[in-house]
Protein backbone atom coordinates (compact mmCIF):
# COMPACT_ATOMS: atom_id res chain seq x y z
CA MET A 1 0.00 -0.01 0.01
CA ALA A 2 1.33 3.43 -0.94
CA LYS A 3 2.45 5.76 1.78
CA MET A 4 0.67 9.00 2.63
CA ASN A 5 2.82 12.08 1.88
CA GLN A 6 3.20 12.70 5.60
CA GLN A 7 4.66 9.21 6.03
CA ARG A 8 7.49 9.73 3.54
CA ALA A 9 11.03 9.48 4.92
CA LEU A 10 11.85 12.73 3.23
CA VAL A 11 9.24 14.57 5.31
CA ALA A 12 10.59 13.38 8.65
CA ILE A 13 14.20 14.01 7.63
CA LEU A 14 13.37 17.47 6.30
CA LYS A 15 11.80 18.47 9.58
CA GLN A 16 14.78 17.14 11.52
CA ILE A 17 17.24 19.08 9.41
CA CYS A 18 15.25 22.36 9.65
CA GLU A 19 14.88 22.04 13.41
CA ARG A 20 18.59 21.40 13.87
CA ARG A 21 19.69 24.26 11.58
CA GLY A 22 17.12 26.82 12.63
CA ILE A 23 15.41 26.83 9.29
CA VAL A 24 11.78 28.12 9.14
CA LEU A 25 9.74 25.36 7.52
CA ALA A 26 6.23 25.72 6.06
CA ALA A 27 4.32 22.75 4.61
CA PHE A 28 1.71 22.81 1.87
CA SER A 29 -0.39 20.31 -0.17
CA ASN A 30 -0.42 17.66 2.58
CA ASP A 31 3.36 17.70 2.95
CA TRP A 32 4.05 17.42 -0.80
CA MET A 33 5.49 20.95 -1.02
CA PHE A 34 7.69 22.83 1.51
CA ARG A 35 9.04 26.38 1.84
CA LEU A 36 12.37 26.75 3.69
CA GLN A 37 13.74 30.09 4.88
CA LYS A 38 16.87 31.17 6.70
CA ASP A 39 18.85 34.40 6.86
CA GLY A 40 16.94 35.97 3.99
CA HIS A 41 17.27 32.99 1.68
CA VAL A 42 14.25 30.99 0.56
CA THR A 43 14.04 27.65 -1.22
CA HIS A 44 11.31 25.16 -1.97
CA VAL A 45 10.96 21.34 -2.11
CA PHE A 46 8.26 19.92 -4.38
CA GLY A 47 7.80 16.21 -4.16
CA TYR A 48 11.39 15.01 -4.40
CA ASP A 49 12.66 18.01 -6.42
CA PHE A 50 14.85 20.69 -4.91
CA ASP A 51 15.62 24.28 -6.06
CA ILE A 52 19.13 23.25 -7.16
CA ASN A 53 18.51 22.45 -10.81
CA GLY A 54 17.22 24.72 -13.53
CA ALA A 55 13.74 24.09 -14.87
CA VAL A 56 14.88 22.88 -18.30
CA ALA A 57 17.55 20.58 -16.79
CA LYS A 58 14.80 18.94 -14.65
CA MET A 59 12.58 18.43 -17.71
CA ILE A 60 15.35 16.80 -19.66
CA CYS A 61 16.15 14.40 -16.82
CA LYS A 62 12.46 13.45 -16.43
CA ASP A 63 12.32 12.68 -20.20
CA LYS A 64 14.17 9.41 -20.93
CA SER A 65 14.29 10.03 -24.66
CA ALA A 66 15.57 13.57 -24.32
CA THR A 67 18.24 12.41 -21.90
CA SER A 68 19.28 9.67 -24.32
CA ASP A 69 19.48 12.11 -27.25
CA LEU A 70 21.63 14.55 -25.35
CA LEU A 71 23.99 11.83 -24.12
CA GLN A 72 24.29 10.63 -27.70
CA PHE A 73 25.13 14.19 -28.86
CA HIS A 74 27.96 14.38 -26.32
CA GLY A 75 29.28 10.88 -27.13
CA ILE A 76 28.64 9.59 -23.63
CA PRO A 77 28.10 5.78 -23.41
CA HIS A 78 24.47 5.04 -22.62
CA ILE A 79 21.59 2.65 -23.28
CA ALA A 80 19.55 4.34 -26.02
CA HIS A 81 15.88 5.16 -25.47
CA HIS A 82 13.66 5.69 -28.54
CA ILE A 83 10.40 7.59 -28.07
CA TYR A 84 6.97 6.74 -29.49
CA HIS A 85 3.93 9.00 -28.87
CA SER A 86 0.43 7.84 -28.25
CA PRO A 87 -1.95 8.09 -31.27
CA ALA A 88 -3.85 10.63 -29.15
CA LEU A 89 -1.01 13.06 -29.95
CA LYS A 90 -1.70 12.92 -33.65
CA GLY A 91 0.43 15.95 -34.50
CA TYR A 92 3.56 14.16 -33.14
CA VAL A 93 2.96 10.73 -34.74
CA PRO A 94 4.06 9.93 -38.30
CA MET A 95 1.28 9.32 -40.80
CA SER A 96 2.52 5.75 -41.06
CA GLY A 97 1.87 5.29 -37.35
CA ASN A 98 4.02 3.68 -34.69
CA TRP A 99 3.43 0.01 -35.14
CA SER A 100 5.61 -0.81 -38.12
CA ALA A 101 8.52 1.10 -36.58
CA MET A 102 8.08 -0.67 -33.26
CA LEU A 103 8.03 -4.07 -34.90
CA ALA A 104 11.14 -3.20 -36.89
CA PHE A 105 12.86 -2.11 -33.65
CA LEU A 106 11.96 -5.45 -32.04
CA ALA A 107 13.17 -7.40 -35.06
CA ASP A 108 16.52 -5.54 -34.87
CA HIS A 109 16.94 -6.74 -31.26
CA PRO A 110 16.27 -10.47 -31.03
CA HIS A 111 17.29 -10.61 -27.36
CA GLY A 112 14.30 -8.41 -26.55
CA VAL A 113 13.47 -4.80 -25.93
CA VAL A 114 12.48 -2.95 -22.76
CA CYS A 115 9.22 -1.02 -22.96
CA LYS A 116 8.68 1.73 -20.38
CA PRO A 117 6.95 5.06 -19.86
CA ASN A 118 9.01 7.98 -21.24
CA GLU A 119 8.64 9.58 -17.80
CA GLY A 120 8.64 7.79 -14.47
CA THR A 121 11.02 6.06 -12.01
CA GLY A 122 11.26 2.99 -9.83
CA GLY A 123 10.84 0.29 -12.47
CA GLY A 124 7.07 0.47 -12.46
CA GLN A 125 5.23 -0.42 -15.69
CA VAL A 126 8.45 -1.62 -17.26
CA SER A 127 8.23 -4.74 -19.45
CA LEU A 128 10.85 -6.95 -21.12
CA VAL A 129 9.27 -8.12 -24.41
CA LYS A 130 10.52 -10.60 -27.01
CA THR A 131 7.57 -11.21 -29.30
CA PRO A 132 5.20 -8.97 -31.28
CA LEU A 133 2.31 -10.07 -29.03
CA GLU A 134 4.19 -9.18 -25.83
CA LEU A 135 5.11 -5.84 -27.38
CA GLU A 136 1.52 -5.15 -28.35
CA GLU A 137 0.32 -5.92 -24.81
CA ALA A 138 2.94 -3.66 -23.21
CA VAL A 139 2.31 -0.78 -25.66
CA LEU A 140 -1.48 -0.89 -25.23
CA ARG A 141 -1.09 -0.99 -21.42
CA LEU A 142 1.24 2.01 -21.38
CA PHE A 143 -0.71 4.15 -23.86
CA GLN A 144 -3.73 3.85 -21.55
CA LYS A 145 -1.84 5.86 -18.90
CA SER A 146 1.04 7.61 -20.64
CA ARG A 147 1.27 10.04 -23.58
CA SER A 148 4.50 8.50 -24.77
CA LEU A 149 6.71 5.48 -24.23
CA CYS A 150 10.27 4.42 -24.86
CA LEU A 151 11.78 1.29 -26.33
CA SER A 152 15.38 0.40 -25.58
CA PRO A 153 17.49 -2.60 -26.52
CA PHE A 154 17.60 -5.18 -23.72
CA GLU A 155 21.08 -5.60 -22.38
CA SER A 156 21.67 -8.29 -19.82
CA PHE A 157 24.06 -7.16 -17.06
CA ASP A 158 24.82 -8.42 -13.57
CA TYR A 159 25.08 -5.04 -11.82
CA GLU A 160 23.58 -1.62 -11.95
CA TYR A 161 25.02 1.28 -9.94
CA ARG A 162 23.63 4.49 -8.59
CA VAL A 163 25.76 7.58 -8.17
CA ALA A 164 24.51 10.56 -6.18
CA ALA A 165 25.97 13.81 -7.51
CA LEU A 166 25.81 17.38 -6.26
CA SER A 167 27.55 20.45 -7.67
CA GLY A 168 30.11 18.51 -9.72
CA GLY A 169 31.02 16.08 -6.88
CA VAL A 170 29.99 12.61 -5.83
CA GLU A 171 28.19 12.21 -2.50
CA PHE A 172 27.95 8.42 -2.50
CA ALA A 173 27.58 5.42 -4.82
CA TYR A 174 26.26 1.91 -4.47
CA ARG A 175 25.79 -1.33 -6.36
CA LYS A 176 22.31 -2.76 -6.63
CA ILE A 177 22.18 -6.43 -5.64
CA ARG A 178 19.17 -8.29 -7.04
CA PRO A 179 17.42 -10.90 -4.88
CA SER A 180 18.27 -14.50 -5.65
CA VAL A 181 17.87 -18.08 -4.40
CA THR A 182 20.25 -21.02 -4.64
CA GLY A 183 18.94 -24.41 -5.70
CA ASP A 184 19.58 -27.60 -3.68
CA GLY A 185 18.52 -30.07 -6.36
CA VAL A 186 15.58 -31.21 -4.23
CA ARG A 187 13.11 -28.43 -3.60
CA PRO A 188 11.07 -26.66 -6.27
CA PHE A 189 11.56 -23.00 -7.02
CA ARG A 190 8.28 -22.23 -5.28
CA SER A 191 9.58 -23.56 -1.97
CA LEU A 192 12.91 -21.74 -2.28
CA LEU A 193 11.04 -18.52 -3.00
CA GLN A 194 8.80 -18.89 0.01
CA GLU A 195 11.85 -19.47 2.25
CA PHE A 196 13.51 -16.40 0.81
CA VAL A 197 10.56 -14.16 1.69
CA GLN A 198 10.31 -15.60 5.21
CA ASN A 199 14.02 -15.04 5.89
CA HIS A 200 14.36 -11.51 4.53
CA SER A 201 12.83 -8.90 6.78
CA THR A 202 13.49 -6.21 4.17
CA TRP A 203 10.76 -7.65 2.03
CA ALA A 204 8.34 -7.63 4.92
CA SER A 205 9.14 -3.98 5.62
CA LEU A 206 8.53 -3.14 2.01
CA GLU A 207 5.15 -4.96 2.17
CA ARG A 208 6.09 -7.19 -0.74
CA GLU A 209 4.18 -10.24 -1.83
CA THR A 210 5.85 -13.41 -3.02
CA SER A 211 4.36 -12.94 -6.51
CA SER A 212 5.94 -9.51 -6.96
CA LEU A 213 9.49 -10.97 -6.70
CA VAL A 214 9.46 -12.94 -9.89
CA ASP A 215 8.51 -12.48 -13.52
CA GLY A 216 5.39 -14.34 -14.62
CA LYS A 217 7.33 -16.57 -17.00
CA MET A 218 9.24 -18.38 -14.29
CA ASN A 219 8.27 -22.00 -13.65
CA LEU A 220 7.56 -22.20 -9.90
CA ASP A 221 7.45 -26.01 -9.99
CA ALA A 222 10.89 -26.41 -11.57
CA ILE A 223 13.64 -27.83 -9.33
CA PRO A 224 16.90 -25.83 -9.76
CA ASP A 225 20.16 -27.81 -9.77
CA SER A 226 22.20 -27.85 -6.58
CA GLY A 227 24.26 -24.70 -6.33
CA LYS A 228 22.41 -22.95 -9.18
CA VAL A 229 21.83 -19.30 -8.44
CA VAL A 230 18.45 -18.06 -9.70
CA ILE A 231 18.04 -14.26 -9.94
CA LEU A 232 14.44 -13.41 -8.95
CA ASN A 233 13.97 -10.23 -10.96
CA TRP A 234 15.58 -8.88 -14.13
CA ARG A 235 15.04 -5.32 -12.89
CA HIS A 236 17.69 -3.74 -10.66
CA ASN A 237 15.52 -1.15 -8.84
CA LEU A 238 15.54 -1.09 -5.03
CA GLY A 239 11.77 -0.71 -5.29
CA GLN A 240 11.73 -4.04 -7.19
CA GLY A 241 13.69 -6.00 -4.58
CA ALA A 242 17.32 -5.14 -5.05
CA LEU A 243 19.50 -4.23 -2.04
CA PRO A 244 22.17 -1.53 -1.99
CA GLU A 245 25.85 -2.37 -1.41
CA MET A 246 27.79 0.79 -0.66
CA LEU A 247 31.00 1.51 -2.56
CA THR A 248 34.06 3.48 -1.47
CA PRO A 249 36.71 5.33 -3.46
CA SER A 250 38.84 2.18 -3.12
CA SER A 251 36.25 0.04 -4.85
CA VAL A 252 37.29 -1.30 -8.27
CA GLU A 253 34.30 0.32 -10.03
CA TRP A 254 34.46 3.70 -8.28
CA ASP A 255 36.54 5.68 -10.81
CA GLY A 256 34.68 4.30 -13.79
CA ILE A 257 31.13 4.94 -12.57
CA THR A 258 31.74 8.25 -10.88
CA SER A 259 33.62 9.69 -13.85
CA LEU A 260 30.84 8.66 -16.19
CA ALA A 261 28.18 10.04 -13.87
CA LEU A 262 29.81 13.42 -13.65
CA GLN A 263 30.22 13.55 -17.45
CA ALA A 264 26.54 12.83 -17.81
CA THR A 265 25.40 15.47 -15.33
CA ALA A 266 27.65 18.04 -16.93
CA ALA A 267 26.24 17.21 -20.35
CA LEU A 268 22.72 17.72 -19.14
CA GLY A 269 23.58 20.82 -17.10
CA VAL A 270 22.13 19.29 -13.94
CA GLU A 271 23.61 20.16 -10.54
CA LEU A 272 21.77 17.59 -8.41
CA ALA A 273 20.98 14.08 -9.70
CA SER A 274 21.22 10.38 -9.10
CA VAL A 275 22.71 8.59 -12.09
CA ASP A 276 21.99 4.95 -12.81
CA ILE A 277 24.79 3.16 -14.63
CA ALA A 278 24.77 -0.39 -16.10
CA GLN A 279 27.86 -2.54 -16.24
CA THR A 280 27.44 -4.08 -19.68
CA THR A 281 29.75 -6.33 -21.75
CA ALA A 282 30.78 -3.18 -23.61
CA GLY A 283 31.62 -1.28 -20.41
CA PHE A 284 29.74 1.13 -18.22
CA LYS A 285 26.72 2.85 -19.75
CA VAL A 286 24.32 5.45 -18.39
CA LEU A 287 20.85 4.08 -18.04
CA GLU A 288 18.91 6.95 -16.55
CA ILE A 289 19.49 10.32 -14.76
CA ASN A 290 17.05 11.32 -12.05
CA SER A 291 16.76 14.96 -10.90
CA GLY A 292 14.24 14.08 -8.25
CA ILE A 293 16.07 12.64 -5.24
CA MET A 294 13.82 9.92 -3.87
CA MET A 295 15.58 7.70 -1.32
CA GLU A 296 12.63 6.07 0.48
CA ASN A 297 13.81 2.55 -0.24
CA LEU A 298 17.46 3.32 0.61
CA VAL A 299 16.33 4.34 4.10
CA VAL A 300 14.88 0.87 4.82
CA THR A 301 17.18 -1.43 2.80
CA HIS A 302 20.60 -0.49 4.20
CA PRO A 303 21.73 -0.30 7.87
CA ASP A 304 23.34 3.12 7.31
CA GLY A 305 20.56 4.27 5.06
CA PRO A 306 18.83 6.73 7.46
CA ALA A 307 22.13 8.50 8.35
CA LEU A 308 23.38 8.57 4.74
CA VAL A 309 20.10 9.92 3.40
CA GLU A 310 19.87 12.59 6.09
CA ARG A 311 23.44 13.68 5.37
CA PHE A 312 22.74 13.99 1.62
CA TYR A 313 19.48 15.90 2.10
CA ASP A 314 21.30 18.17 4.58
CA ARG A 315 23.96 18.92 1.96
CA ILE A 316 21.29 19.69 -0.65
CA ILE A 317 19.36 22.05 1.65
CA CYS A 318 22.55 23.88 2.69
CA ALA A 319 23.45 24.38 -0.92
CA ALA A 320 19.97 25.64 -1.78
CA LEU A 321 19.96 28.11 1.20
CA GLN A 322 23.65 29.03 0.88
CA ILE A 323 24.40 27.80 4.37
CA LYS A 324 28.15 27.42 4.80
């Protein structure tokens, strides 16, 4: 069940920071918008967006296709996102329509394509499709709720990383570890999955159901071989079951992912962002750039999450209010 605005971790942390720093805080729209004031400086928080980024930079980040196009222009490695508008937007759709182009895109990528809303985060409404019928189902479902969607080539990779960036520097970075079970050659996948859910309190805290862990195509009655590791979800989002593993500057991947993240934020002209990076067979590639800093799942999925999130939000607010 979705949280009320007042129950968001951001709200509680924001209030703590303002009380500690003597910042005057005013809440609006059931705690969805805030006004912060200190020493003649005023800033606002709207949802998960802060007054750090320019309006156009925010709009680019929220548009996956626009982000992809700009990264392509700057020659920055990324997973391409191709936009298709709903037929309701007739002035932006070719006279030939979308369908033939979508089918051609699918045919060019036999390993599958990822279909997702052009705007949105968290892995919701994202589908991996490999057949024309699956593509048609995904497209119809998305066009019922979204004005546009993106198709991108499916690239299988073991790890995705998130880099939190502010004012040209890196605040923290972590690897996303997807949930998995290990076969024993005796029990069916269904039993292993049930045991996993019972033994992982994180899932209980996120109010997950067993069925949400896996893709519908998995055979729950199959018996995995002894020692075989079965990844439960092809998505890497924390909101889809992955857990964060914090990295340090001494981590092998640190230089590669942080350098790429800062190149990407500079290309988009965004001061504050979280950059998702995939570790593909061709090297690191930018997947998405988020200007809205939502860390609700990080708070509950890592032991140091609350302290880390509060420290990052504090840094953002101080930058916005010019607090030294």
